[in-house]
């Protein structure tokens, strides 16, 4: 019966999940996902994000702009620097869960060093 309740909820005409789908679309870009994962570890600025990811500050700023527009991150001015942090608790839970699953699936679809040497 619990399975039917979950199914009914997801298939209910009043449930669109549009917001969740849009957030998933935004997080579907590897750079944005890496930015969010990094910000969950530590609030930081555009310059530091760019250095960590090997990207131009302009590229990082464009991705942060989209994340800000969707309420995923927020920037706070500290002196002359803007420090970004994740503010969407659903996204925080989702990315934290994804990272925990990624640790289990590390190397999925890739040859390990041992099998590559054979």
N, C-alpha and C. Protein backbone atom coordinates (compact mmCIF):
# COMPACT_ATOMS: atom_id res chain seq x y z
N UNK A 1 0.81 -1.19 0.00
CA UNK A 1 0.00 0.00 0.00
C UNK A 1 0.86 1.26 0.00
N UNK A 2 1.99 1.22 0.69
CA UNK A 2 2.86 2.39 0.73
C UNK A 2 3.35 2.73 -0.68
N UNK A 3 3.62 1.71 -1.49
CA UNK A 3 4.05 1.94 -2.87
C UNK A 3 2.98 2.66 -3.68
N UNK A 4 1.72 2.28 -3.46
CA UNK A 4 0.61 2.94 -4.16
C UNK A 4 0.48 4.40 -3.76
N UNK A 5 0.70 4.70 -2.47
CA UNK A 5 0.62 6.09 -2.01
C UNK A 5 1.70 6.93 -2.69
N UNK A 6 2.92 6.40 -2.78
CA UNK A 6 4.00 7.13 -3.44
C UNK A 6 3.67 7.34 -4.91
N UNK A 7 3.15 6.30 -5.53
CA UNK A 7 2.79 6.40 -6.95
C UNK A 7 1.69 7.42 -7.14
N UNK A 8 0.67 7.38 -6.31
CA UNK A 8 -0.43 8.33 -6.44
C UNK A 8 0.06 9.77 -6.27
N UNK A 9 0.96 9.99 -5.31
CA UNK A 9 1.49 11.34 -5.10
C UNK A 9 2.19 11.84 -6.35
N UNK A 10 3.05 11.04 -6.93
CA UNK A 10 3.83 11.46 -8.09
C UNK A 10 2.97 11.65 -9.33
N UNK A 11 1.88 10.90 -9.42
CA UNK A 11 1.03 10.98 -10.59
C UNK A 11 -0.16 11.92 -10.42
N UNK A 12 -0.29 12.50 -9.26
CA UNK A 12 -1.39 13.43 -8.98
C UNK A 12 -1.35 14.60 -9.95
N UNK A 13 -2.48 14.96 -10.50
CA UNK A 13 -2.55 16.07 -11.46
C UNK A 13 -2.02 17.38 -10.89
N UNK A 14 -2.17 17.58 -9.59
CA UNK A 14 -1.73 18.82 -8.97
C UNK A 14 -0.22 18.90 -8.74
N UNK A 15 0.49 17.79 -8.92
CA UNK A 15 1.92 17.75 -8.70
C UNK A 15 2.63 17.89 -10.05
N UNK A 16 3.37 18.98 -10.21
CA UNK A 16 4.05 19.19 -11.48
C UNK A 16 5.55 18.91 -11.39
N UNK A 17 6.15 19.12 -10.23
CA UNK A 17 7.59 18.95 -10.03
C UNK A 17 8.41 19.81 -10.98
N UNK A 18 7.81 20.87 -11.52
CA UNK A 18 8.52 21.74 -12.46
C UNK A 18 9.72 22.42 -11.81
N UNK A 19 9.54 22.91 -10.58
CA UNK A 19 10.65 23.58 -9.90
C UNK A 19 11.81 22.60 -9.70
N UNK A 20 11.51 21.40 -9.23
CA UNK A 20 12.54 20.40 -9.01
C UNK A 20 13.24 20.03 -10.31
N UNK A 21 12.48 19.90 -11.39
CA UNK A 21 13.06 19.58 -12.69
C UNK A 21 13.98 20.70 -13.17
N UNK A 22 13.58 21.93 -12.94
CA UNK A 22 14.41 23.08 -13.34
C UNK A 22 15.72 23.09 -12.54
N UNK A 23 15.64 22.83 -11.25
CA UNK A 23 16.85 22.77 -10.43
C UNK A 23 17.76 21.65 -10.91
N UNK A 24 17.19 20.51 -11.24
CA UNK A 24 17.98 19.40 -11.77
C UNK A 24 18.64 19.77 -13.09
N UNK A 25 17.92 20.52 -13.92
CA UNK A 25 18.50 20.97 -15.20
C UNK A 25 19.69 21.89 -14.94
N UNK A 26 19.54 22.81 -14.00
CA UNK A 26 20.63 23.74 -13.67
C UNK A 26 21.83 22.97 -13.13
N UNK A 27 21.58 22.02 -12.25
CA UNK A 27 22.67 21.24 -11.66
C UNK A 27 23.22 20.19 -12.62
N UNK A 28 22.56 19.99 -13.76
CA UNK A 28 23.00 19.01 -14.74
C UNK A 28 24.27 19.38 -15.47
N UNK A 29 24.69 20.64 -15.35
CA UNK A 29 25.94 21.06 -15.98
C UNK A 29 27.09 20.73 -15.03
N UNK A 30 28.11 19.99 -15.49
CA UNK A 30 29.19 19.56 -14.60
C UNK A 30 29.89 20.71 -13.87
N UNK A 31 30.08 21.83 -14.53
CA UNK A 31 30.76 22.95 -13.86
C UNK A 31 29.90 23.49 -12.73
N UNK A 32 28.60 23.67 -12.98
CA UNK A 32 27.73 24.18 -11.92
C UNK A 32 27.64 23.20 -10.76
N UNK A 33 27.59 21.92 -11.08
CA UNK A 33 27.53 20.90 -10.03
C UNK A 33 28.81 20.93 -9.20
N UNK A 34 29.95 21.08 -9.84
CA UNK A 34 31.22 21.16 -9.11
C UNK A 34 31.28 22.43 -8.27
N UNK A 35 30.77 23.54 -8.79
CA UNK A 35 30.75 24.78 -8.02
C UNK A 35 29.92 24.59 -6.76
N UNK A 36 28.73 24.03 -6.91
CA UNK A 36 27.84 23.83 -5.76
C UNK A 36 28.49 22.87 -4.76
N UNK A 37 29.05 21.78 -5.23
CA UNK A 37 29.71 20.82 -4.34
C UNK A 37 30.86 21.50 -3.59
N UNK A 38 31.62 22.32 -4.28
CA UNK A 38 32.72 23.04 -3.63
C UNK A 38 32.23 24.03 -2.60
N UNK A 39 31.15 24.73 -2.93
CA UNK A 39 30.61 25.71 -1.99
C UNK A 39 30.00 25.04 -0.76
N UNK A 40 29.56 23.81 -0.89
CA UNK A 40 29.07 23.09 0.28
C UNK A 40 30.21 22.77 1.24
N UNK A 41 31.41 22.62 0.70
CA UNK A 41 32.58 22.35 1.54
C UNK A 41 33.09 23.63 2.18
N UNK A 42 32.97 24.76 1.45
CA UNK A 42 33.51 26.01 1.97
C UNK A 42 32.96 27.19 1.17
N UNK A 43 32.44 28.20 1.86
CA UNK A 43 32.02 29.42 1.18
C UNK A 43 33.27 30.05 0.58
N UNK A 44 33.15 30.58 -0.63
CA UNK A 44 34.34 31.14 -1.27
C UNK A 44 33.97 32.16 -2.34
N UNK A 45 34.99 32.76 -2.95
CA UNK A 45 34.79 33.83 -3.93
C UNK A 45 35.05 33.31 -5.35
N UNK A 46 34.69 34.13 -6.33
CA UNK A 46 34.82 33.77 -7.74
C UNK A 46 36.27 33.42 -8.09
N UNK A 47 37.19 34.23 -7.62
CA UNK A 47 38.61 34.02 -7.93
C UNK A 47 39.07 32.64 -7.47
N UNK A 48 38.74 32.28 -6.24
CA UNK A 48 39.17 30.98 -5.71
C UNK A 48 38.49 29.81 -6.42
N UNK A 49 37.21 29.98 -6.76
CA UNK A 49 36.51 28.93 -7.51
C UNK A 49 37.19 28.73 -8.85
N UNK A 50 37.47 29.83 -9.54
CA UNK A 50 38.13 29.75 -10.84
C UNK A 50 39.48 29.07 -10.77
N UNK A 51 40.25 29.39 -9.74
CA UNK A 51 41.57 28.77 -9.58
C UNK A 51 41.45 27.28 -9.31
N UNK A 52 40.50 26.90 -8.46
CA UNK A 52 40.31 25.47 -8.15
C UNK A 52 39.87 24.67 -9.37
N UNK A 53 39.01 25.26 -10.19
CA UNK A 53 38.47 24.54 -11.34
C UNK A 53 39.25 24.79 -12.62
N UNK A 54 40.21 25.70 -12.58
CA UNK A 54 40.99 26.02 -13.77
C UNK A 54 40.16 26.75 -14.82
N UNK A 55 39.27 27.63 -14.34
CA UNK A 55 38.38 28.37 -15.25
C UNK A 55 38.60 29.87 -15.10
N UNK A 56 38.28 30.59 -16.16
CA UNK A 56 38.35 32.05 -16.11
C UNK A 56 37.28 32.57 -15.15
N UNK A 57 37.58 33.69 -14.50
CA UNK A 57 36.62 34.29 -13.58
C UNK A 57 35.31 34.62 -14.28
N UNK A 58 35.38 35.03 -15.54
CA UNK A 58 34.16 35.36 -16.28
C UNK A 58 33.26 34.14 -16.44
N UNK A 59 33.86 32.99 -16.69
CA UNK A 59 33.10 31.74 -16.83
C UNK A 59 32.43 31.38 -15.51
N UNK A 60 33.19 31.46 -14.43
CA UNK A 60 32.65 31.15 -13.10
C UNK A 60 31.51 32.12 -12.78
N UNK A 61 31.71 33.39 -13.08
CA UNK A 61 30.68 34.40 -12.80
C UNK A 61 29.39 34.10 -13.55
N UNK A 62 29.49 33.65 -14.79
CA UNK A 62 28.29 33.32 -15.56
C UNK A 62 27.53 32.16 -14.91
N UNK A 63 28.25 31.15 -14.48
CA UNK A 63 27.60 30.00 -13.83
C UNK A 63 26.99 30.42 -12.49
N UNK A 64 27.71 31.22 -11.72
CA UNK A 64 27.18 31.69 -10.44
C UNK A 64 25.94 32.55 -10.64
N UNK A 65 25.92 33.33 -11.70
CA UNK A 65 24.76 34.17 -12.00
C UNK A 65 23.51 33.31 -12.18
N UNK A 66 23.65 32.22 -12.90
CA UNK A 66 22.52 31.31 -13.12
C UNK A 66 22.11 30.63 -11.81
N UNK A 67 23.09 30.21 -11.02
CA UNK A 67 22.79 29.59 -9.74
C UNK A 67 22.11 30.58 -8.79
N UNK A 68 22.53 31.83 -8.84
CA UNK A 68 21.89 32.88 -8.02
C UNK A 68 20.47 33.13 -8.47
N UNK A 69 20.27 33.21 -9.77
CA UNK A 69 18.94 33.49 -10.34
C UNK A 69 17.92 32.43 -9.94
N UNK A 70 18.38 31.21 -9.68
CA UNK A 70 17.48 30.12 -9.31
C UNK A 70 17.46 29.89 -7.80
N UNK A 71 18.07 30.78 -7.05
CA UNK A 71 18.02 30.71 -5.59
C UNK A 71 18.84 29.60 -4.98
N UNK A 72 19.82 29.10 -5.73
CA UNK A 72 20.65 28.01 -5.23
C UNK A 72 21.80 28.55 -4.39
N UNK A 73 22.41 29.65 -4.84
CA UNK A 73 23.50 30.28 -4.09
C UNK A 73 23.18 31.75 -3.85
N UNK A 74 23.90 32.31 -2.90
CA UNK A 74 23.79 33.74 -2.62
C UNK A 74 25.20 34.26 -2.35
N UNK A 75 25.44 35.48 -2.83
CA UNK A 75 26.72 36.12 -2.58
C UNK A 75 26.58 37.18 -1.50
N UNK A 76 27.60 37.29 -0.67
CA UNK A 76 27.62 38.29 0.40
C UNK A 76 28.93 39.06 0.32
N UNK A 77 28.82 40.37 0.25
CA UNK A 77 30.02 41.19 0.15
C UNK A 77 30.75 41.20 1.48
N UNK A 78 32.06 40.87 1.42
CA UNK A 78 32.95 40.94 2.58
C UNK A 78 34.12 41.81 2.15
N UNK A 79 34.07 43.08 2.53
CA UNK A 79 35.08 44.03 2.07
C UNK A 79 34.89 44.26 0.58
N UNK A 80 35.92 43.96 -0.19
CA UNK A 80 35.83 44.15 -1.65
C UNK A 80 35.51 42.85 -2.38
N UNK A 81 35.35 41.77 -1.62
CA UNK A 81 35.13 40.45 -2.21
C UNK A 81 33.69 39.99 -1.97
N UNK A 82 33.14 39.28 -2.94
CA UNK A 82 31.83 38.65 -2.76
C UNK A 82 32.07 37.17 -2.50
N UNK A 83 31.59 36.71 -1.36
CA UNK A 83 31.74 35.31 -0.96
C UNK A 83 30.41 34.60 -1.20
N UNK A 84 30.47 33.48 -1.88
CA UNK A 84 29.26 32.73 -2.25
C UNK A 84 29.07 31.53 -1.34
N UNK A 85 27.78 31.18 -1.14
CA UNK A 85 27.43 30.00 -0.35
C UNK A 85 26.13 29.44 -0.90
N UNK A 86 25.92 28.15 -0.66
CA UNK A 86 24.68 27.48 -1.06
C UNK A 86 23.61 27.83 -0.03
N UNK A 87 22.43 28.26 -0.51
CA UNK A 87 21.35 28.66 0.39
C UNK A 87 20.09 27.80 0.24
N UNK A 88 20.05 26.92 -0.74
CA UNK A 88 18.89 26.07 -0.95
C UNK A 88 19.09 24.75 -0.22
N UNK A 89 18.34 24.50 0.86
CA UNK A 89 18.54 23.27 1.63
C UNK A 89 18.26 22.00 0.84
N UNK A 90 17.30 22.04 -0.11
CA UNK A 90 17.01 20.87 -0.93
C UNK A 90 18.22 20.53 -1.80
N UNK A 91 18.84 21.55 -2.39
CA UNK A 91 20.03 21.34 -3.23
C UNK A 91 21.17 20.82 -2.37
N UNK A 92 21.32 21.36 -1.18
CA UNK A 92 22.37 20.88 -0.28
C UNK A 92 22.20 19.39 0.01
N UNK A 93 20.99 18.97 0.33
CA UNK A 93 20.73 17.55 0.59
C UNK A 93 20.97 16.70 -0.65
N UNK A 94 20.51 17.18 -1.80
CA UNK A 94 20.65 16.45 -3.04
C UNK A 94 22.12 16.24 -3.40
N UNK A 95 22.90 17.30 -3.37
CA UNK A 95 24.31 17.21 -3.77
C UNK A 95 25.10 16.40 -2.74
N UNK A 96 24.78 16.54 -1.48
CA UNK A 96 25.43 15.74 -0.45
C UNK A 96 25.15 14.25 -0.69
N UNK A 97 23.88 13.93 -1.00
CA UNK A 97 23.53 12.55 -1.31
C UNK A 97 24.27 12.07 -2.56
N UNK A 98 24.32 12.91 -3.59
CA UNK A 98 25.00 12.52 -4.83
C UNK A 98 26.48 12.23 -4.56
N UNK A 99 27.10 13.07 -3.75
CA UNK A 99 28.52 12.85 -3.44
C UNK A 99 28.71 11.55 -2.67
N UNK A 100 27.79 11.23 -1.76
CA UNK A 100 27.91 9.98 -1.01
C UNK A 100 27.77 8.78 -1.95
N UNK A 101 26.91 8.88 -2.94
CA UNK A 101 26.74 7.81 -3.92
C UNK A 101 27.93 7.74 -4.86
N UNK A 102 28.51 8.89 -5.18
CA UNK A 102 29.67 8.94 -6.07
C UNK A 102 30.87 8.22 -5.47
N UNK A 103 31.01 8.31 -4.15
CA UNK A 103 32.11 7.62 -3.49
C UNK A 103 31.96 6.11 -3.66
N UNK A 104 30.73 5.64 -3.68
CA UNK A 104 30.46 4.21 -3.87
C UNK A 104 30.72 3.79 -5.30
N UNK A 105 30.46 4.69 -6.24
CA UNK A 105 30.55 4.34 -7.65
C UNK A 105 31.82 4.89 -8.30
N UNK A 106 32.80 5.27 -7.47
CA UNK A 106 34.03 5.85 -8.01
C UNK A 106 34.64 4.91 -9.03
N UNK A 107 35.00 5.47 -10.16
CA UNK A 107 35.59 4.66 -11.21
C UNK A 107 34.57 3.92 -12.06
N UNK A 108 33.27 4.14 -11.78
CA UNK A 108 32.22 3.47 -12.56
C UNK A 108 32.42 3.77 -14.04
N UNK A 109 32.51 2.75 -14.83
CA UNK A 109 32.67 2.94 -16.27
C UNK A 109 34.10 3.21 -16.69
N UNK A 110 35.01 3.23 -15.72
CA UNK A 110 36.42 3.46 -16.04
C UNK A 110 37.22 2.27 -15.56
N UNK A 111 38.33 2.02 -16.23
CA UNK A 111 39.21 0.94 -15.81
C UNK A 111 40.00 1.39 -14.60
N UNK A 112 40.17 0.50 -13.65
CA UNK A 112 41.00 0.80 -12.50
C UNK A 112 42.46 0.77 -12.94
N UNK A 113 43.34 1.30 -12.10
CA UNK A 113 44.77 1.29 -12.44
C UNK A 113 45.27 -0.13 -12.57
N UNK A 114 44.79 -1.05 -11.71
CA UNK A 114 45.23 -2.44 -11.78
C UNK A 114 44.84 -3.08 -13.11
N UNK A 115 43.58 -2.89 -13.54
CA UNK A 115 43.15 -3.53 -14.78
C UNK A 115 43.76 -2.84 -16.00
N UNK A 116 44.11 -1.56 -15.88
CA UNK A 116 44.73 -0.84 -16.99
C UNK A 116 46.15 -1.34 -17.22
N UNK A 117 46.83 -1.82 -16.15
CA UNK A 117 48.21 -2.29 -16.26
C UNK A 117 48.30 -3.69 -16.85
N UNK A 118 47.21 -4.45 -16.77
CA UNK A 118 47.22 -5.83 -17.28
C UNK A 118 47.30 -5.89 -18.76
